[in-house]
């Protein structure tokens, strides 16, 4: 019995820190080239930083400027979106973008859990 408990403890410590894919919705920011993050009710999720590595799957997201995009710096700005992400919870790091969709701005404006963009 004791051996089984030790085995379970050892196996539990080798499980990955990332969680199953989850849908996160909030403000999508793209203020300057290659800088992208999603601000949801839990905080920011960095998707891309200029000069740094891009999160896997970012190259496959649809054009997010087609539905309620607010331009604040030329074509750069923010919008409302939902992403399905694989994340590493402990470090709040995005590992992979699985899917993304833009939403009407009213969806984020009406969510009291979100900060103002």
N, C-alpha and C. Protein backbone atom coordinates (compact mmCIF):
# COMPACT_ATOMS: atom_id res chain seq x y z
N UNK A 1 0.82 -1.19 0.00
CA UNK A 1 0.00 0.00 0.00
C UNK A 1 0.87 1.26 0.00
N UNK A 2 1.91 1.22 0.83
CA UNK A 2 2.80 2.36 0.91
C UNK A 2 3.52 2.57 -0.42
N UNK A 3 3.90 1.48 -1.08
CA UNK A 3 4.58 1.57 -2.37
C UNK A 3 3.66 2.19 -3.42
N UNK A 4 2.39 1.83 -3.40
CA UNK A 4 1.43 2.39 -4.35
C UNK A 4 1.27 3.89 -4.14
N UNK A 5 1.23 4.31 -2.90
CA UNK A 5 1.11 5.73 -2.59
C UNK A 5 2.34 6.49 -3.07
N UNK A 6 3.52 5.93 -2.87
CA UNK A 6 4.75 6.57 -3.35
C UNK A 6 4.78 6.66 -4.87
N UNK A 7 4.32 5.61 -5.53
CA UNK A 7 4.27 5.60 -6.98
C UNK A 7 3.32 6.68 -7.50
N UNK A 8 2.15 6.79 -6.90
CA UNK A 8 1.20 7.83 -7.31
C UNK A 8 1.77 9.22 -7.08
N UNK A 9 2.46 9.41 -5.97
CA UNK A 9 3.08 10.70 -5.68
C UNK A 9 4.15 11.03 -6.73
N UNK A 10 4.96 10.05 -7.08
CA UNK A 10 6.00 10.26 -8.09
C UNK A 10 5.41 10.56 -9.45
N UNK A 11 4.38 9.84 -9.83
CA UNK A 11 3.74 10.08 -11.13
C UNK A 11 3.08 11.45 -11.16
N UNK A 12 2.48 11.85 -10.07
CA UNK A 12 1.83 13.15 -10.01
C UNK A 12 2.80 14.29 -10.20
N UNK A 13 4.03 14.13 -9.76
CA UNK A 13 5.01 15.21 -9.89
C UNK A 13 5.60 15.30 -11.29
N UNK A 14 5.34 14.30 -12.14
CA UNK A 14 5.89 14.35 -13.49
C UNK A 14 4.85 14.77 -14.53
N UNK A 15 3.64 15.07 -14.09
CA UNK A 15 2.63 15.50 -15.05
C UNK A 15 2.95 16.91 -15.52
N UNK A 16 2.63 17.24 -16.75
CA UNK A 16 2.95 18.57 -17.27
C UNK A 16 2.16 19.65 -16.55
N UNK A 17 2.74 20.87 -16.52
CA UNK A 17 2.10 21.99 -15.84
C UNK A 17 1.00 22.63 -16.68
N UNK A 18 0.92 22.30 -17.97
CA UNK A 18 -0.09 22.92 -18.82
C UNK A 18 -1.43 22.24 -18.63
N UNK A 19 -2.45 23.00 -18.88
CA UNK A 19 -3.81 22.51 -18.74
C UNK A 19 -4.38 22.16 -20.11
N UNK A 20 -5.52 21.51 -20.09
CA UNK A 20 -6.22 21.22 -21.33
C UNK A 20 -6.58 22.53 -22.03
N UNK A 21 -6.76 22.51 -23.33
CA UNK A 21 -7.13 23.74 -24.03
C UNK A 21 -8.35 24.40 -23.40
N UNK A 22 -8.32 25.71 -23.32
CA UNK A 22 -9.43 26.45 -22.73
C UNK A 22 -9.76 27.66 -23.58
N UNK A 23 -11.03 28.04 -23.55
CA UNK A 23 -11.51 29.20 -24.30
C UNK A 23 -11.38 30.43 -23.41
N UNK A 24 -10.68 31.43 -23.91
CA UNK A 24 -10.50 32.67 -23.17
C UNK A 24 -10.95 33.83 -24.05
N UNK A 25 -11.76 34.71 -23.48
CA UNK A 25 -12.31 35.83 -24.23
C UNK A 25 -11.97 37.14 -23.54
N UNK A 26 -11.73 38.16 -24.34
CA UNK A 26 -11.44 39.47 -23.79
C UNK A 26 -10.91 40.41 -24.86
N UNK A 27 -10.21 41.44 -24.40
CA UNK A 27 -9.66 42.43 -25.31
C UNK A 27 -8.39 41.90 -25.96
N UNK A 28 -8.36 41.95 -27.27
CA UNK A 28 -7.18 41.55 -28.03
C UNK A 28 -6.43 42.82 -28.42
N UNK A 29 -5.20 42.94 -27.96
CA UNK A 29 -4.39 44.13 -28.23
C UNK A 29 -3.30 43.83 -29.24
N UNK A 30 -3.13 44.73 -30.19
CA UNK A 30 -2.05 44.69 -31.18
C UNK A 30 -1.63 46.14 -31.42
N UNK A 31 -0.91 46.73 -30.44
CA UNK A 31 -0.61 48.16 -30.52
C UNK A 31 0.48 48.53 -31.53
N UNK A 32 1.37 47.59 -31.80
CA UNK A 32 2.49 47.82 -32.71
C UNK A 32 2.82 46.50 -33.41
N UNK A 33 3.63 46.53 -34.46
CA UNK A 33 3.92 45.29 -35.20
C UNK A 33 4.41 44.15 -34.30
N UNK A 34 3.81 42.98 -34.49
CA UNK A 34 4.20 41.72 -33.84
C UNK A 34 3.96 41.67 -32.34
N UNK A 35 3.31 42.67 -31.77
CA UNK A 35 2.98 42.66 -30.34
C UNK A 35 1.49 42.37 -30.19
N UNK A 36 1.18 41.20 -29.63
CA UNK A 36 -0.20 40.77 -29.46
C UNK A 36 -0.38 40.21 -28.05
N UNK A 37 -1.47 40.58 -27.39
CA UNK A 37 -1.84 39.91 -26.14
C UNK A 37 -3.35 39.96 -25.97
N UNK A 38 -3.86 38.99 -25.23
CA UNK A 38 -5.28 38.90 -24.92
C UNK A 38 -5.44 39.22 -23.45
N UNK A 39 -6.27 40.21 -23.14
CA UNK A 39 -6.55 40.60 -21.76
C UNK A 39 -7.91 40.05 -21.39
N UNK A 40 -7.94 38.99 -20.59
CA UNK A 40 -9.23 38.45 -20.15
C UNK A 40 -9.43 38.76 -18.67
N UNK A 41 -10.43 38.18 -18.07
CA UNK A 41 -10.75 38.48 -16.67
C UNK A 41 -9.64 38.06 -15.71
N UNK A 42 -8.74 37.17 -16.15
CA UNK A 42 -7.65 36.71 -15.30
C UNK A 42 -6.35 37.47 -15.49
N UNK A 43 -6.30 38.34 -16.49
CA UNK A 43 -5.08 39.10 -16.76
C UNK A 43 -4.63 38.94 -18.20
N UNK A 44 -3.42 39.42 -18.50
CA UNK A 44 -2.93 39.35 -19.88
C UNK A 44 -2.32 37.99 -20.23
N UNK A 45 -2.52 37.58 -21.48
CA UNK A 45 -1.93 36.37 -22.05
C UNK A 45 -1.13 36.80 -23.27
N UNK A 46 0.19 36.76 -23.20
CA UNK A 46 1.05 37.24 -24.28
C UNK A 46 1.07 36.21 -25.41
N UNK A 47 0.77 36.69 -26.61
CA UNK A 47 0.73 35.85 -27.80
C UNK A 47 1.94 36.05 -28.70
N UNK A 48 2.47 37.26 -28.70
CA UNK A 48 3.61 37.57 -29.56
C UNK A 48 4.26 38.85 -29.06
N UNK A 49 5.60 38.87 -29.08
CA UNK A 49 6.36 40.06 -28.72
C UNK A 49 7.36 40.31 -29.84
N UNK A 50 7.40 41.56 -30.30
CA UNK A 50 8.30 41.90 -31.40
C UNK A 50 9.74 41.52 -31.05
N UNK A 51 10.37 40.78 -31.95
CA UNK A 51 11.74 40.34 -31.74
C UNK A 51 11.85 39.04 -30.96
N UNK A 52 10.74 38.56 -30.44
CA UNK A 52 10.75 37.31 -29.67
C UNK A 52 10.06 36.20 -30.43
N UNK A 53 10.04 35.02 -29.85
CA UNK A 53 9.37 33.91 -30.52
C UNK A 53 7.86 34.09 -30.52
N UNK A 54 7.23 33.67 -31.58
CA UNK A 54 5.77 33.74 -31.69
C UNK A 54 5.18 32.45 -31.15
N UNK A 55 4.08 32.56 -30.45
CA UNK A 55 3.40 31.37 -29.94
C UNK A 55 2.93 30.52 -31.11
N UNK A 56 3.10 29.22 -31.00
CA UNK A 56 2.65 28.29 -32.04
C UNK A 56 1.17 28.52 -32.33
N UNK A 57 0.83 28.57 -33.60
CA UNK A 57 -0.56 28.75 -34.01
C UNK A 57 -0.96 30.18 -34.30
N UNK A 58 -0.15 31.16 -33.91
CA UNK A 58 -0.49 32.56 -34.17
C UNK A 58 -0.54 32.85 -35.66
N UNK A 59 0.25 32.14 -36.44
CA UNK A 59 0.27 32.38 -37.88
C UNK A 59 -1.01 31.92 -38.56
N UNK A 60 -1.85 31.19 -37.86
CA UNK A 60 -3.09 30.68 -38.45
C UNK A 60 -4.35 31.39 -37.99
N UNK A 61 -4.22 32.46 -37.19
CA UNK A 61 -5.44 33.13 -36.74
C UNK A 61 -6.04 33.94 -37.89
N UNK A 62 -7.37 34.10 -37.87
CA UNK A 62 -8.01 34.89 -38.93
C UNK A 62 -7.71 36.38 -38.77
N UNK A 63 -8.05 37.15 -39.77
CA UNK A 63 -7.89 38.61 -39.72
C UNK A 63 -8.81 39.14 -38.62
N UNK A 64 -8.23 39.64 -37.56
CA UNK A 64 -9.01 40.09 -36.41
C UNK A 64 -9.52 41.52 -36.56
N UNK A 65 -9.15 42.19 -37.64
CA UNK A 65 -9.55 43.59 -37.82
C UNK A 65 -10.85 43.74 -38.61
N UNK A 66 -11.53 42.64 -38.90
CA UNK A 66 -12.72 42.71 -39.75
C UNK A 66 -14.01 42.96 -38.98
N UNK A 67 -13.98 42.85 -37.68
CA UNK A 67 -15.22 42.94 -36.90
C UNK A 67 -15.00 43.78 -35.64
N UNK A 68 -15.27 45.06 -35.74
CA UNK A 68 -15.20 45.91 -34.56
C UNK A 68 -13.79 46.25 -34.10
N UNK A 69 -12.85 46.36 -35.00
CA UNK A 69 -11.48 46.70 -34.63
C UNK A 69 -11.37 48.20 -34.41
N UNK A 70 -10.70 48.62 -33.34
CA UNK A 70 -10.48 50.03 -33.06
C UNK A 70 -9.02 50.35 -33.37
N UNK A 71 -8.80 51.13 -34.42
CA UNK A 71 -7.44 51.50 -34.82
C UNK A 71 -6.96 52.65 -33.93
N UNK A 72 -5.81 52.47 -33.31
CA UNK A 72 -5.25 53.50 -32.42
C UNK A 72 -3.88 53.97 -32.88
N UNK A 73 -3.28 53.25 -33.82
CA UNK A 73 -1.93 53.56 -34.29
C UNK A 73 -1.82 53.04 -35.72
N UNK A 74 -2.33 53.80 -36.68
CA UNK A 74 -2.41 53.29 -38.05
C UNK A 74 -3.42 52.16 -38.09
N UNK A 75 -3.01 50.99 -38.53
CA UNK A 75 -3.92 49.84 -38.55
C UNK A 75 -3.85 49.03 -37.26
N UNK A 76 -2.96 49.41 -36.36
CA UNK A 76 -2.82 48.69 -35.09
C UNK A 76 -3.83 49.22 -34.08
N UNK A 77 -4.23 48.36 -33.14
CA UNK A 77 -5.21 48.78 -32.16
C UNK A 77 -5.68 47.63 -31.30
N UNK A 78 -7.01 47.55 -31.11
CA UNK A 78 -7.56 46.50 -30.27
C UNK A 78 -8.95 46.10 -30.74
N UNK A 79 -9.37 44.95 -30.29
CA UNK A 79 -10.70 44.44 -30.59
C UNK A 79 -11.12 43.46 -29.51
N UNK A 80 -12.24 42.85 -29.70
CA UNK A 80 -12.77 41.86 -28.77
C UNK A 80 -12.65 40.49 -29.44
N UNK A 81 -12.19 39.49 -28.70
CA UNK A 81 -11.95 38.19 -29.33
C UNK A 81 -12.02 37.06 -28.32
N UNK A 82 -12.19 35.86 -28.84
CA UNK A 82 -12.07 34.63 -28.06
C UNK A 82 -10.99 33.78 -28.70
N UNK A 83 -10.16 33.18 -27.87
CA UNK A 83 -9.11 32.27 -28.30
C UNK A 83 -9.25 30.96 -27.56
N UNK A 84 -8.96 29.87 -28.24
CA UNK A 84 -8.81 28.58 -27.57
C UNK A 84 -7.30 28.37 -27.47
N UNK A 85 -6.82 28.26 -26.23
CA UNK A 85 -5.38 28.24 -25.97
C UNK A 85 -4.96 27.04 -25.14
N UNK A 86 -3.75 26.59 -25.37
CA UNK A 86 -3.06 25.69 -24.44
C UNK A 86 -2.13 26.60 -23.66
N UNK A 87 -2.20 26.53 -22.33
CA UNK A 87 -1.40 27.41 -21.49
C UNK A 87 -0.64 26.61 -20.44
N UNK A 88 0.35 27.25 -19.88
CA UNK A 88 1.08 26.74 -18.73
C UNK A 88 0.61 27.60 -17.56
N UNK A 89 -0.26 27.06 -16.75
CA UNK A 89 -0.95 27.83 -15.72
C UNK A 89 -0.01 28.51 -14.73
N UNK A 90 0.99 27.80 -14.25
CA UNK A 90 1.86 28.35 -13.21
C UNK A 90 2.57 29.62 -13.67
N UNK A 91 3.00 29.66 -14.92
CA UNK A 91 3.72 30.83 -15.43
C UNK A 91 2.84 31.76 -16.26
N UNK A 92 1.57 31.39 -16.45
CA UNK A 92 0.64 32.15 -17.28
C UNK A 92 1.18 32.32 -18.70
N UNK A 93 1.83 31.29 -19.20
CA UNK A 93 2.43 31.33 -20.53
C UNK A 93 1.53 30.61 -21.53
N UNK A 94 1.36 31.23 -22.70
CA UNK A 94 0.59 30.59 -23.77
C UNK A 94 1.54 29.68 -24.54
N UNK A 95 1.15 28.42 -24.69
CA UNK A 95 1.97 27.45 -25.41
C UNK A 95 1.54 27.31 -26.86
N UNK A 96 0.21 27.41 -27.10
CA UNK A 96 -0.27 27.22 -28.47
C UNK A 96 -1.65 27.83 -28.63
N UNK A 97 -1.87 28.46 -29.77
CA UNK A 97 -3.19 28.95 -30.16
C UNK A 97 -3.84 27.86 -31.01
N UNK A 98 -5.01 27.42 -30.60
CA UNK A 98 -5.72 26.38 -31.34
C UNK A 98 -6.76 27.00 -32.27
N UNK A 99 -7.44 28.04 -31.80
CA UNK A 99 -8.47 28.71 -32.60
C UNK A 99 -8.64 30.13 -32.09
N UNK A 100 -9.18 30.98 -32.95
CA UNK A 100 -9.44 32.37 -32.58
C UNK A 100 -10.59 32.91 -33.40
N UNK A 101 -11.35 33.81 -32.80
CA UNK A 101 -12.43 34.48 -33.52
C UNK A 101 -12.62 35.88 -32.96
N UNK A 102 -12.90 36.83 -33.85
CA UNK A 102 -13.20 38.18 -33.40
C UNK A 102 -14.66 38.25 -33.00
N UNK A 103 -14.96 39.15 -32.08
CA UNK A 103 -16.32 39.34 -31.57
C UNK A 103 -16.69 40.81 -31.67
N UNK A 104 -17.98 41.12 -31.61
CA UNK A 104 -18.38 42.52 -31.58
C UNK A 104 -17.82 43.21 -30.33
N UNK A 105 -17.46 44.47 -30.44
CA UNK A 105 -16.90 45.21 -29.31
C UNK A 105 -17.84 45.21 -28.10
N UNK A 106 -19.13 45.23 -28.36
CA UNK A 106 -20.11 45.26 -27.27
C UNK A 106 -20.00 44.08 -26.32
N UNK A 107 -19.53 42.97 -26.82
CA UNK A 107 -19.37 41.78 -25.97
C UNK A 107 -18.35 42.05 -24.86
N UNK A 108 -17.23 42.66 -25.20
CA UNK A 108 -16.22 42.97 -24.19
C UNK A 108 -16.60 44.19 -23.36
N UNK A 109 -17.19 45.17 -24.01
CA UNK A 109 -17.62 46.37 -23.26
C UNK A 109 -18.65 46.02 -22.19
N UNK A 110 -19.47 45.02 -22.46
CA UNK A 110 -20.51 44.61 -21.52
C UNK A 110 -20.04 43.66 -20.43
N UNK A 111 -18.81 43.19 -20.51
CA UNK A 111 -18.28 42.25 -19.52
C UNK A 111 -17.62 43.04 -18.39
N UNK A 112 -18.28 43.10 -17.24
CA UNK A 112 -17.77 43.89 -16.12
C UNK A 112 -16.49 43.33 -15.51
N UNK A 113 -16.16 42.09 -15.83
CA UNK A 113 -14.93 41.49 -15.31
C UNK A 113 -13.70 41.95 -16.08
N UNK A 114 -13.91 42.57 -17.25
CA UNK A 114 -12.78 43.02 -18.06
C UNK A 114 -12.45 44.47 -17.76
N UNK A 115 -11.15 44.80 -17.71
CA UNK A 115 -10.78 46.21 -17.59
C UNK A 115 -11.07 46.93 -18.90
N UNK A 116 -11.08 48.23 -18.86
CA UNK A 116 -11.25 49.00 -20.10
C UNK A 116 -10.04 48.72 -21.00
N UNK A 117 -10.25 48.76 -22.31
CA UNK A 117 -9.12 48.48 -23.21
C UNK A 117 -8.12 49.60 -23.12
